[in-house]
Protein backbone atom coordinates (compact mmCIF):
# COMPACT_ATOMS: atom_id res chain seq x y z
CA UNK A 1 39.66 15.15 -31.84
CA UNK A 2 43.09 13.64 -32.47
CA UNK A 3 45.03 14.86 -35.53
CA UNK A 4 47.27 12.33 -37.28
CA UNK A 5 50.28 13.69 -39.11
CA UNK A 6 52.90 11.22 -37.99
CA UNK A 7 54.01 9.53 -41.20
CA UNK A 8 53.70 10.77 -44.76
CA UNK A 9 53.37 9.44 -48.29
CA UNK A 10 56.95 8.17 -48.62
CA UNK A 11 56.55 5.22 -46.27
CA UNK A 12 57.53 1.90 -47.89
CA UNK A 13 58.51 -0.69 -45.26
CA UNK A 14 56.57 -1.81 -42.21
CA UNK A 15 56.05 0.74 -39.47
CA UNK A 16 58.77 0.51 -36.84
CA UNK A 17 57.84 -0.43 -33.24
CA UNK A 18 58.07 3.08 -31.82
CA UNK A 19 55.79 4.53 -34.48
CA UNK A 20 53.47 1.54 -34.16
CA UNK A 21 53.00 2.34 -30.47
CA UNK A 22 52.11 5.92 -31.40
CA UNK A 23 49.62 4.69 -34.01
CA UNK A 24 48.00 2.35 -31.49
CA UNK A 25 47.73 5.24 -29.04
CA UNK A 26 45.97 7.38 -31.67
CA UNK A 27 43.55 4.58 -32.57
CA UNK A 28 42.68 4.06 -28.90
CA UNK A 29 42.49 7.72 -27.93
CA UNK A 30 38.95 8.61 -28.96
CA UNK A 31 37.12 5.52 -27.61
CA UNK A 32 34.88 5.29 -30.67
CA UNK A 33 33.63 8.87 -30.58
CA UNK A 34 33.02 10.53 -33.97
CA UNK A 35 34.58 12.56 -35.34
CA UNK A 36 37.56 11.26 -33.45
CA UNK A 37 40.63 11.05 -35.70
CA UNK A 38 41.55 13.44 -38.50
CA UNK A 39 44.36 12.21 -40.78
CA UNK A 40 46.36 14.76 -42.73
CA UNK A 41 47.15 13.73 -46.32
CA UNK A 42 47.10 9.98 -45.57
CA UNK A 43 46.53 7.84 -42.48
CA UNK A 44 49.94 7.02 -41.01
CA UNK A 45 50.98 3.48 -41.91
CA UNK A 46 48.93 3.24 -45.11
CA UNK A 47 50.91 2.67 -48.30
CA UNK A 48 50.21 5.53 -50.71
CA UNK A 49 50.14 3.64 -54.00
CA UNK A 50 48.61 0.29 -53.01
CA UNK A 51 46.27 0.92 -50.07
CA UNK A 52 48.02 -1.77 -48.03
CA UNK A 53 48.54 -1.44 -44.28
CA UNK A 54 52.26 -1.52 -43.53
CA UNK A 55 52.09 -3.47 -40.30
CA UNK A 56 49.88 -0.94 -38.50
CA UNK A 57 47.92 2.12 -39.62
CA UNK A 58 45.79 4.88 -38.18
CA UNK A 59 42.08 4.23 -38.62
CA UNK A 60 40.83 7.74 -39.31
CA UNK A 61 37.29 9.06 -39.24
CA UNK A 62 38.16 11.80 -41.74
CA UNK A 63 41.16 12.14 -44.05
CA UNK A 64 41.99 15.41 -45.78
CA UNK A 65 44.40 14.69 -48.61
CA UNK A 66 46.33 17.44 -50.35
CA UNK A 67 47.43 18.41 -53.88
CA UNK A 68 46.89 14.97 -55.46
CA UNK A 69 44.45 12.19 -54.73
CA UNK A 70 46.43 9.16 -53.56
CA UNK A 71 45.21 5.99 -55.26
CA UNK A 72 45.89 3.93 -52.15
CA UNK A 73 43.11 5.81 -50.36
CA UNK A 74 40.56 4.42 -52.82
CA UNK A 75 41.17 0.66 -52.78
CA UNK A 76 42.31 -2.23 -50.62
CA UNK A 77 42.44 -1.20 -46.97
CA UNK A 78 42.44 2.47 -47.95
CA UNK A 79 38.67 3.19 -47.68
CA UNK A 80 38.47 1.56 -44.24
CA UNK A 81 41.54 3.39 -42.92
CA UNK A 82 40.78 6.87 -44.26
CA UNK A 83 37.08 7.18 -43.33
CA UNK A 84 35.38 10.14 -45.00
CA UNK A 85 37.71 11.43 -47.70
CA UNK A 86 38.14 15.14 -48.46
CA UNK A 87 40.43 16.55 -51.17
CA UNK A 88 42.10 19.97 -51.18
CA UNK A 89 44.29 21.11 -54.07
CA UNK A 90 45.82 23.89 -51.92
CA UNK A 91 45.34 26.15 -54.95
CA UNK A 92 48.08 24.45 -56.95
CA UNK A 93 48.01 25.92 -60.50
CA UNK A 94 46.49 23.77 -63.23
CA UNK A 95 49.73 23.93 -65.22
CA UNK A 96 51.46 21.94 -62.48
CA UNK A 97 48.87 19.18 -62.65
CA UNK A 98 49.09 18.97 -66.44
CA UNK A 99 52.82 18.25 -66.25
CA UNK A 100 52.53 15.33 -63.80
CA UNK A 101 51.92 11.76 -65.10
CA UNK A 102 48.64 10.17 -63.96
CA UNK A 103 48.94 6.71 -62.42
CA UNK A 104 45.23 5.82 -62.29
CA UNK A 105 41.80 7.31 -62.83
CA UNK A 106 38.99 7.63 -60.32
CA UNK A 107 35.70 6.85 -62.08
CA UNK A 108 32.09 7.52 -61.20
CA UNK A 109 28.72 6.95 -62.83
CA UNK A 110 28.48 10.41 -64.41
CA UNK A 111 31.64 9.71 -66.40
CA UNK A 112 30.07 6.86 -68.39
CA UNK A 113 26.28 7.00 -68.22
CA UNK A 114 26.21 9.05 -71.43
CA UNK A 115 27.70 6.10 -73.32
CA UNK A 116 24.20 4.59 -73.21
CA UNK A 117 22.44 6.20 -76.17
CA UNK A 118 18.83 7.33 -76.09
CA UNK A 119 16.51 4.70 -77.54
CA UNK A 120 14.90 5.40 -80.91
CA UNK A 121 11.11 5.56 -80.86
CA UNK A 122 10.86 2.71 -83.37
CA UNK A 123 13.14 0.40 -81.40
CA UNK A 124 12.45 -3.29 -80.96
CA UNK A 125 14.10 -5.94 -78.81
CA UNK A 126 16.53 -6.89 -81.55
CA UNK A 127 18.18 -3.47 -81.24
CA UNK A 128 19.54 -4.18 -77.79
CA UNK A 129 21.28 -7.51 -78.03
CA UNK A 130 20.78 -11.03 -76.74
CA UNK A 131 22.61 -12.11 -73.59
CA UNK A 132 23.11 -15.80 -72.89
CA UNK A 133 23.94 -16.55 -69.25
CA UNK A 134 25.44 -19.99 -68.57
CA UNK A 135 25.55 -21.47 -65.09
CA UNK A 136 23.33 -22.66 -62.29
CA UNK A 137 24.79 -26.06 -61.49
CA UNK A 138 23.01 -28.29 -59.00
CA UNK A 139 22.01 -26.27 -55.94
CA UNK A 140 23.17 -22.95 -57.42
CA UNK A 141 20.30 -21.84 -59.62
CA UNK A 142 19.91 -18.49 -57.86
CA UNK A 143 23.24 -17.19 -59.15
CA UNK A 144 22.41 -17.63 -62.81
CA UNK A 145 18.96 -16.13 -62.36
CA UNK A 146 20.33 -13.00 -60.65
CA UNK A 147 22.87 -12.51 -63.42
CA UNK A 148 20.24 -12.98 -66.12
CA UNK A 149 17.70 -10.68 -64.49
CA UNK A 150 20.37 -8.00 -64.01
CA UNK A 151 21.20 -8.11 -67.72
CA UNK A 152 17.53 -7.53 -68.48
CA UNK A 153 17.21 -4.71 -65.93
CA UNK A 154 19.99 -2.67 -67.52
CA UNK A 155 18.38 -2.97 -70.93
CA UNK A 156 19.37 -6.08 -72.86
CA UNK A 157 16.70 -6.83 -75.45
CA UNK A 158 16.67 -10.58 -74.86
CA UNK A 159 18.13 -12.75 -72.11
CA UNK A 160 18.48 -16.52 -72.26
CA UNK A 161 19.70 -18.91 -69.58
CA UNK A 162 21.53 -22.16 -70.21
CA UNK A 163 21.37 -24.27 -67.07
CA UNK A 164 21.06 -27.74 -65.65
CA UNK A 165 17.88 -29.53 -66.78
CA UNK A 166 16.77 -29.76 -63.14
CA UNK A 167 16.59 -25.96 -62.87
CA UNK A 168 15.28 -24.60 -66.16
CA UNK A 169 11.57 -24.74 -65.40
CA UNK A 170 11.55 -23.06 -62.00
CA UNK A 171 14.03 -20.32 -62.98
CA UNK A 172 11.61 -19.39 -65.73
CA UNK A 173 8.65 -19.54 -63.34
CA UNK A 174 10.32 -16.98 -61.06
CA UNK A 175 11.13 -14.58 -63.87
CA UNK A 176 9.03 -15.36 -66.97
CA UNK A 177 10.87 -12.85 -69.15
CA UNK A 178 13.93 -15.10 -69.16
CA UNK A 179 14.17 -17.83 -71.80
CA UNK A 180 15.48 -20.83 -69.87
CA UNK A 181 16.99 -23.85 -71.56
CA UNK A 182 17.89 -27.26 -70.18
CA UNK A 183 21.43 -27.98 -71.33
CA UNK A 184 23.09 -31.35 -70.82
CA UNK A 185 26.29 -30.68 -72.73
CA UNK A 186 28.00 -28.77 -75.53
CA UNK A 187 25.66 -30.25 -78.09
CA UNK A 188 22.66 -28.59 -76.45
CA UNK A 189 24.61 -25.35 -76.01
CA UNK A 190 25.59 -24.84 -79.67
CA UNK A 191 22.23 -23.53 -81.01
CA UNK A 192 21.98 -21.09 -78.09
CA UNK A 193 25.45 -19.72 -78.75
CA UNK A 194 24.50 -19.16 -82.38
CA UNK A 195 21.76 -16.71 -81.33
CA UNK A 196 23.68 -14.86 -78.60
CA UNK A 197 25.41 -11.51 -79.07
CA UNK A 198 27.06 -11.73 -75.62
CA UNK A 199 27.73 -14.68 -73.31
CA UNK A 200 28.15 -14.49 -69.53
CA UNK A 201 29.48 -17.65 -67.93
CA UNK A 202 30.31 -18.52 -64.35
CA UNK A 203 27.47 -17.72 -61.93
CA UNK A 204 26.76 -20.95 -60.08
CA UNK A 205 28.68 -22.88 -62.75
CA UNK A 206 30.57 -25.27 -60.48
CA UNK A 207 33.69 -27.14 -61.52
CA UNK A 208 32.42 -30.59 -62.46
CA UNK A 209 32.36 -32.24 -65.89
CA UNK A 210 29.22 -30.34 -66.92
CA UNK A 211 30.83 -27.02 -66.02
CA UNK A 212 34.00 -27.85 -67.95
CA UNK A 213 31.91 -28.85 -70.96
CA UNK A 214 30.07 -25.52 -70.83
CA UNK A 215 33.28 -23.49 -70.64
CA UNK A 216 34.92 -25.44 -73.47
CA UNK A 217 31.88 -24.80 -75.67
CA UNK A 218 32.03 -21.08 -74.99
CA UNK A 219 35.78 -20.72 -75.52
CA UNK A 220 35.43 -22.38 -78.92
CA UNK A 221 33.10 -19.56 -80.05
CA UNK A 222 33.68 -15.97 -81.09
CA UNK A 223 31.14 -13.79 -79.26
CA UNK A 224 32.16 -11.34 -76.49
CA UNK A 225 32.29 -12.95 -73.05
CA UNK A 226 31.93 -11.95 -69.42
CA UNK A 227 33.70 -14.60 -67.33
CA UNK A 228 33.14 -14.87 -63.59
CA UNK A 229 33.23 -17.18 -60.57
CA UNK A 230 33.90 -20.86 -61.26
CA UNK A 231 34.55 -20.19 -64.95
CA UNK A 232 37.58 -18.20 -63.77
CA UNK A 233 38.65 -21.02 -61.48
CA UNK A 234 38.50 -23.43 -64.41
CA UNK A 235 40.44 -21.03 -66.61
CA UNK A 236 43.17 -20.86 -63.98
CA UNK A 237 43.76 -24.59 -64.53
CA UNK A 238 44.36 -24.06 -68.26
CA UNK A 239 45.27 -20.39 -68.83
CA UNK A 240 44.40 -18.92 -72.20
CA UNK A 241 44.49 -15.45 -73.76
CA UNK A 242 41.90 -13.48 -75.71
CA UNK A 243 40.86 -9.88 -76.28
CA UNK A 244 37.15 -10.67 -76.52
CA UNK A 245 36.34 -11.02 -72.83
CA UNK A 246 35.92 -9.24 -69.53
CA UNK A 247 37.16 -11.15 -66.49
CA UNK A 248 35.59 -10.26 -63.14
CA UNK A 249 37.61 -11.95 -60.36
CA UNK A 250 37.41 -11.28 -56.65
CA UNK A 251 40.79 -11.43 -54.87
CA UNK A 252 40.62 -15.18 -54.31
CA UNK A 253 39.87 -15.88 -57.97
CA UNK A 254 42.57 -13.43 -59.07
CA UNK A 255 45.01 -15.30 -56.84
CA UNK A 256 44.20 -18.56 -58.59
CA UNK A 257 44.55 -16.94 -62.01
CA UNK A 258 48.02 -15.69 -61.05
CA UNK A 259 49.10 -18.69 -58.94
CA UNK A 260 49.33 -16.34 -55.99
CA UNK A 261 47.45 -15.75 -52.72
CA UNK A 262 44.56 -13.46 -51.87
CA UNK A 263 46.71 -11.56 -49.38
CA UNK A 264 49.29 -10.89 -52.09
CA UNK A 265 46.56 -9.65 -54.42
CA UNK A 266 45.23 -7.30 -51.75
CA UNK A 267 48.72 -6.02 -50.97
CA UNK A 268 48.87 -4.38 -54.42
CA UNK A 269 45.54 -4.49 -56.21
CA UNK A 270 46.59 -2.22 -59.09
CA UNK A 271 49.49 -4.47 -60.01
CA UNK A 272 47.34 -7.58 -59.65
CA UNK A 273 44.63 -6.24 -61.97
CA UNK A 274 47.23 -5.29 -64.57
CA UNK A 275 48.88 -8.71 -64.32
CA UNK A 276 45.59 -10.58 -64.81
CA UNK A 277 44.88 -8.46 -67.87
CA UNK A 278 48.38 -8.98 -69.26
CA UNK A 279 48.23 -12.75 -68.76
CA UNK A 280 44.67 -13.38 -69.98
CA UNK A 281 43.86 -10.41 -72.23
CA UNK A 282 40.66 -8.42 -72.59
CA UNK A 283 39.62 -6.38 -69.57
CA UNK A 284 40.08 -7.30 -65.90
CA UNK A 285 37.63 -6.11 -63.26
CA UNK A 286 39.22 -6.81 -59.88
CA UNK A 287 36.33 -6.68 -57.42
CA UNK A 288 36.47 -5.55 -53.82
CA UNK A 289 36.61 -2.27 -51.91
CA UNK A 290 37.71 0.13 -54.64
CA UNK A 291 37.06 -2.10 -57.65
CA UNK A 292 39.76 -1.71 -60.30
CA UNK A 293 39.30 -1.93 -64.07
CA UNK A 294 42.44 -2.70 -66.10
CA UNK A 295 42.22 -2.60 -69.90
CA UNK A 296 45.87 -2.89 -70.90
CA UNK A 297 45.48 0.22 -73.05
CA UNK A 298 44.57 2.99 -70.61
CA UNK A 299 45.63 3.73 -67.06
CA UNK A 300 43.80 1.60 -64.48
CA UNK A 301 40.47 2.93 -63.26
CA UNK A 302 39.23 2.70 -59.68
CA UNK A 303 35.63 3.09 -58.52
CA UNK A 304 35.22 4.70 -55.12
CA UNK A 305 31.45 4.07 -54.92
CA UNK A 306 30.04 1.10 -53.02
CA UNK A 307 29.70 0.14 -49.38
CA UNK A 308 30.15 -2.76 -46.92
CA UNK A 309 26.57 -3.86 -47.45
CA UNK A 310 27.80 -5.40 -50.70
CA UNK A 311 29.61 -8.09 -48.70
CA UNK A 312 26.84 -10.63 -49.28
CA UNK A 313 26.22 -13.54 -51.62
CA UNK A 314 25.20 -12.84 -55.20
CA UNK A 315 26.64 -9.34 -55.61
CA UNK A 316 29.20 -10.59 -58.12
CA UNK A 317 26.50 -12.41 -60.09
CA UNK A 318 24.57 -9.16 -60.42
CA UNK A 319 27.69 -7.36 -61.64
CA UNK A 320 28.27 -10.07 -64.26
CA UNK A 321 24.75 -9.59 -65.60
CA UNK A 322 25.03 -5.81 -65.59
CA UNK A 323 28.24 -5.84 -67.63
CA UNK A 324 26.85 -8.42 -70.07
CA UNK A 325 23.67 -6.40 -70.54
CA UNK A 326 25.69 -3.29 -71.37
CA UNK A 327 27.90 -5.18 -73.83
CA UNK A 328 24.75 -6.43 -75.56
CA UNK A 329 23.71 -2.82 -76.17
CA UNK A 330 26.86 -2.10 -78.13
CA UNK A 331 29.28 -0.71 -75.56
CA UNK A 332 32.95 -1.55 -75.89
CA UNK A 333 34.55 -3.96 -73.45
CA UNK A 334 36.22 -1.06 -71.63
CA UNK A 335 33.11 1.13 -71.41
CA UNK A 336 30.85 -1.78 -70.42
CA UNK A 337 33.24 -2.79 -67.64
CA UNK A 338 33.66 0.72 -66.26
CA UNK A 339 30.00 1.75 -66.56
CA UNK A 340 28.93 -1.63 -65.17
CA UNK A 341 31.15 -1.29 -62.12
CA UNK A 342 29.89 2.25 -61.46
CA UNK A 343 26.23 1.29 -61.98
CA UNK A 344 26.55 -1.69 -59.66
CA UNK A 345 28.29 0.25 -56.87
CA UNK A 346 25.98 3.26 -57.16
CA UNK A 347 22.88 1.05 -57.07
CA UNK A 348 24.27 -0.53 -53.91
CA UNK A 349 24.76 2.91 -52.37
CA UNK A 350 21.12 3.73 -53.11
CA UNK A 351 19.99 0.43 -51.62
CA UNK A 352 22.12 1.10 -48.53
CA UNK A 353 20.02 4.15 -47.71
CA UNK A 354 17.84 1.66 -45.82
CA UNK A 355 20.90 0.29 -44.04
CA UNK A 356 23.92 -1.73 -45.08
CA UNK A 357 23.26 -4.70 -42.83
CA UNK A 358 20.97 -7.26 -44.43
CA UNK A 359 21.26 -5.83 -47.94
CA UNK A 360 20.81 -8.54 -50.58
CA UNK A 361 22.06 -8.65 -54.14
CA UNK A 362 18.53 -8.62 -55.56
CA UNK A 363 17.88 -5.33 -53.70
CA UNK A 364 20.00 -3.62 -56.37
CA UNK A 365 17.69 -4.47 -59.27
CA UNK A 366 15.16 -1.61 -59.05
CA UNK A 367 17.96 0.93 -58.57
CA UNK A 368 19.80 -0.42 -61.60
CA UNK A 369 16.73 0.25 -63.73
CA UNK A 370 16.42 3.79 -62.34
CA UNK A 371 20.07 4.57 -63.00
CA UNK A 372 20.19 3.37 -66.61
CA UNK A 373 17.14 5.57 -67.32
CA UNK A 374 18.71 8.64 -65.71
CA UNK A 375 19.09 10.52 -69.01
CA UNK A 376 15.46 9.97 -70.00
CA UNK A 377 14.23 10.96 -66.56
CA UNK A 378 16.29 14.17 -66.71
CA UNK A 379 14.88 14.99 -70.13
CA UNK A 380 11.28 14.32 -69.07
């Protein structure tokens, strides 16, 4: 085993050539054997606060971090560079911790699952909200179906789909519980919006005239929104601000929202999430390794659950549906975003028990249902 303690938490600029040679030697020393590299406090070359690699960084198999959890270990390149993460407080007294400002919060499913109340025995579908999912442009019907089915699987009472006329019938045939509507323009959309308690827009939406018409119709309304994918790309063309929505960009979409680049977003994900929230309002969920939730009111939250198996098409569509389904059940924007992120990542970790490679977004659905029923299963 090689122990890395070269560079500490104060590193700001790129690693200098001499240290870079030492880092390369550490990374090459174990020839892929595990456990091969143990990093002390933080892998050398990793930026403490952002999780960015400063030119070159040790790729550890295990990182033992001391006294305080460094937020850069949990997002960006941090999870890949630190490997298995272990925390030791070195027996620092609690009074010391209470006097130190907190920069961000690490969240997990147990922190928020209790925000889903037990269901009354006389409940009916009207108790649990009506999600309208808008999307599924030509050739992209799968995205809107996955989002809609995910909203149903986490407990929304009713789920409707507004989609291209060419898709409505066969989306409904694949999942008969969904109410699918052929929508040609805003005129067809209006009666559906009147019945919805939450709207999710973006999965498979596209950016053509139909898509722009759908987004305009939604922005003219007043119901809570979850905005994803191409709806975000359209918003970037005409930025607007509201406190009634949750935005769920991946780094590329966040870059368009901020007129930046994906690499700049990844270089400081906490700042990027806060900037999206400040510019557009509501809640920002910046997806990726170590998804970040920025509310503008509380410190940013980072979810350390999830795995590389999630790097496949449709995962973001499932997350959109999960968050919308939680909003429909009465959760606040902040709680729905944070619980939704944790549910989604934890379901993916359960699905990955069969292997990360080849995992599909729809594989998460049965685990989502199990997780939202955790309290009832514990009681029974």
